[in-house]
Amino acid sequence: MRARRYLKPWIFGVAAGVMFVGADALLPISPPSAYAFCLSCHVRDLVTAIVNSVAHSRFPASEVGSRALMLTSPGVLIGALLAAWINGEIHPRRASRPVLYAVLGLLVMVLGITIFGCTTRIVLRAGYGEIYGIVALVGMFAGVAISTVFIKWRVKRGTRS
């Protein structure tokens, strides 16, 4: 029996980076490169495209979102599900508070779309020296740090949800 050969995660990161840079250099896409892989914005544009085609409405979408169907989010979801299924890592379990988790997920996505955008755009905006990007990056780091401390505290107390 042959041992499974696993690919390192950095290989996928390099491949994605090469694809994004190549697409940016070769294709005339007008949004910035930060839009190449954004789960918040692509969900918004996918829902907008579906609603516009079904209801014959004219809700505004990004320029590239109105020309092409943004399938990044379903692709990531289906890819993750297939990878977990192939590797035997699917272990369904019941959530303790499903409505709370759904509302919190909705809140994160809405805030991501309305305030600063996805983390990729935050990092690029901060890299350009834009004050909103820098503030958002500091806020993102603070939120991750506070959440990590809170989760560790709850696990230590034995009150995991």
Protein backbone atom coordinates (compact mmCIF):
# COMPACT_ATOMS: atom_id res chain seq x y z
CA MET A 1 0.00 0.00 0.00
CA ARG A 2 1.39 3.38 -1.00
CA ALA A 3 1.48 6.24 1.45
CA ARG A 4 -0.57 9.27 0.57
CA ARG A 5 1.43 12.20 -0.66
CA TYR A 6 0.19 15.52 0.65
CA LEU A 7 0.79 18.87 -0.97
CA LYS A 8 1.92 21.69 1.24
CA PRO A 9 -0.48 24.66 1.69
CA TRP A 10 2.11 27.16 0.48
CA ILE A 11 2.03 25.49 -2.96
CA PHE A 12 -1.63 26.42 -3.31
CA GLY A 13 -0.89 29.97 -2.13
CA VAL A 14 1.83 30.40 -4.74
CA ALA A 15 -0.40 28.90 -7.46
CA ALA A 16 -3.28 31.23 -6.53
CA GLY A 17 -0.94 34.22 -6.49
CA VAL A 18 0.43 33.36 -9.92
CA MET A 19 -3.10 32.92 -11.30
CA PHE A 20 -4.27 36.26 -9.85
CA VAL A 21 -1.23 38.18 -11.11
CA GLY A 22 -1.56 36.51 -14.52
CA ALA A 23 -5.26 37.32 -14.72
CA ASP A 24 -4.58 40.92 -13.70
CA ALA A 25 -1.84 41.28 -16.31
CA LEU A 26 -3.59 39.50 -19.20
CA LEU A 27 -7.28 40.30 -18.77
CA PRO A 28 -8.77 43.79 -18.96
CA ILE A 29 -10.56 43.67 -15.59
CA SER A 30 -11.28 47.12 -14.21
CA PRO A 31 -11.69 46.45 -10.47
CA PRO A 32 -8.44 46.32 -8.51
CA SER A 33 -6.60 43.06 -7.92
CA ALA A 34 -8.08 42.88 -4.43
CA TYR A 35 -11.38 41.97 -6.03
CA ALA A 36 -9.96 38.78 -7.51
CA PHE A 37 -10.81 36.68 -4.46
CA CYS A 38 -13.30 38.30 -2.12
CA LEU A 39 -15.96 36.14 -0.54
CA SER A 40 -18.01 39.07 0.75
CA CYS A 41 -18.17 41.04 -2.48
CA HIS A 42 -18.60 38.01 -4.72
CA VAL A 43 -21.59 36.79 -2.71
CA ARG A 44 -23.15 40.24 -3.04
CA ASP A 45 -22.58 40.28 -6.81
CA LEU A 46 -23.81 36.70 -7.24
CA VAL A 47 -27.05 37.42 -5.36
CA THR A 48 -27.48 40.69 -7.25
CA ALA A 49 -27.03 38.94 -10.61
CA ILE A 50 -29.53 36.22 -9.70
CA VAL A 51 -32.12 38.72 -8.44
CA ASN A 52 -31.64 40.95 -11.49
CA SER A 53 -32.12 38.04 -13.89
CA VAL A 54 -35.11 36.51 -12.08
CA ALA A 55 -36.96 39.70 -11.10
CA HIS A 56 -35.85 41.75 -14.13
CA SER A 57 -34.58 44.45 -11.78
CA ARG A 58 -31.56 46.71 -12.08
CA PHE A 59 -29.79 46.55 -8.73
CA PRO A 60 -26.26 47.90 -9.06
CA ALA A 61 -23.32 45.48 -9.08
CA SER A 62 -19.63 45.96 -9.62
CA GLU A 63 -18.50 46.29 -13.21
CA VAL A 64 -16.97 42.82 -13.40
CA GLY A 65 -19.86 41.37 -11.37
CA SER A 66 -22.36 42.61 -13.93
CA ARG A 67 -20.35 41.10 -16.82
CA ALA A 68 -19.45 37.73 -15.29
CA LEU A 69 -21.13 35.42 -12.82
CA MET A 70 -19.12 35.40 -9.58
CA LEU A 71 -18.88 31.76 -8.56
CA THR A 72 -15.99 32.13 -6.09
CA SER A 73 -18.07 31.52 -2.97
CA PRO A 74 -19.91 28.41 -4.21
CA GLY A 75 -16.58 27.15 -5.60
CA VAL A 76 -14.84 27.54 -2.23
CA LEU A 77 -17.76 25.90 -0.43
CA ILE A 78 -17.99 22.95 -2.84
CA GLY A 79 -14.20 22.56 -2.92
CA ALA A 80 -13.95 22.50 0.87
CA LEU A 81 -16.80 20.00 1.10
CA LEU A 82 -15.20 17.72 -1.50
CA ALA A 83 -11.79 17.93 0.17
CA ALA A 84 -13.28 17.07 3.56
CA TRP A 85 -15.27 14.20 2.05
CA ILE A 86 -12.27 12.75 0.19
CA ASN A 87 -10.09 12.91 3.31
CA GLY A 88 -12.79 11.52 5.62
CA GLU A 89 -13.01 14.67 7.70
CA ILE A 90 -16.77 15.21 7.58
CA HIS A 91 -18.19 14.83 11.07
CA PRO A 92 -21.63 16.47 11.19
CA ARG A 93 -22.74 17.64 14.60
CA ARG A 94 -25.61 19.71 15.84
CA ALA A 95 -24.87 23.33 16.70
CA SER A 96 -25.82 24.39 20.18
CA ARG A 97 -27.28 27.74 19.02
CA PRO A 98 -27.78 27.65 15.24
CA VAL A 99 -29.87 30.83 15.01
CA LEU A 100 -27.27 32.84 16.93
CA TYR A 101 -24.47 31.55 14.69
CA ALA A 102 -26.46 32.32 11.54
CA VAL A 103 -27.20 35.87 12.74
CA LEU A 104 -23.55 36.45 13.69
CA GLY A 105 -22.40 35.16 10.28
CA LEU A 106 -24.88 37.43 8.54
CA LEU A 107 -23.68 40.38 10.63
CA VAL A 108 -20.03 39.69 9.75
CA MET A 109 -20.81 39.56 6.02
CA VAL A 110 -22.98 42.69 6.08
CA LEU A 111 -20.35 44.62 8.02
CA GLY A 112 -17.67 43.33 5.65
CA ILE A 113 -19.57 44.61 2.65
CA THR A 114 -20.74 47.94 4.06
CA ILE A 115 -17.80 49.14 6.11
CA PHE A 116 -14.39 48.14 4.79
CA GLY A 117 -14.72 45.04 2.63
CA CYS A 118 -12.88 41.77 2.90
CA THR A 119 -9.53 41.25 4.58
CA THR A 120 -7.68 41.21 1.26
CA ARG A 121 -8.93 44.69 0.46
CA ILE A 122 -8.15 45.89 3.98
CA VAL A 123 -4.52 44.78 3.65
CA LEU A 124 -4.19 46.34 0.19
CA ARG A 125 -5.75 49.62 1.32
CA ALA A 126 -3.40 49.73 4.30
CA GLY A 127 -0.48 48.91 1.99
CA TYR A 128 -1.36 51.93 -0.13
CA GLY A 129 -1.24 54.06 3.02
CA GLU A 130 -4.96 54.84 3.08
CA ILE A 131 -6.07 55.85 6.58
CA TYR A 132 -9.28 53.76 6.44
CA GLY A 133 -7.28 50.69 5.50
CA ILE A 134 -4.83 51.23 8.35
CA VAL A 135 -7.65 51.74 10.86
CA ALA A 136 -9.46 48.65 9.55
CA LEU A 137 -6.27 46.57 9.75
CA VAL A 138 -5.64 47.64 13.35
CA GLY A 139 -9.29 46.91 14.18
CA MET A 140 -9.08 43.50 12.51
CA PHE A 141 -5.97 42.56 14.52
CA ALA A 142 -7.57 43.82 17.73
CA GLY A 143 -10.75 41.86 17.03
CA VAL A 144 -8.82 38.65 16.36
CA ALA A 145 -6.76 39.12 19.54
CA ILE A 146 -9.79 39.87 21.72
CA SER A 147 -11.74 36.95 20.24
CA THR A 148 -8.83 34.57 20.79
CA VAL A 149 -8.47 35.60 24.43
CA PHE A 150 -12.24 35.29 24.94
CA ILE A 151 -12.39 31.82 23.38
CA LYS A 152 -9.40 30.61 25.44
CA TRP A 153 -11.04 31.98 28.59
CA ARG A 154 -14.32 30.17 27.82
CA VAL A 155 -12.56 26.91 27.04
CA LYS A 156 -10.54 27.14 30.26
CA ARG A 157 -13.78 27.71 32.22
CA GLY A 158 -15.38 24.74 30.50
CA THR A 159 -18.24 26.74 28.98
CA ARG A 160 -17.64 25.96 25.32
CA SER A 161 -20.60 26.52 23.04
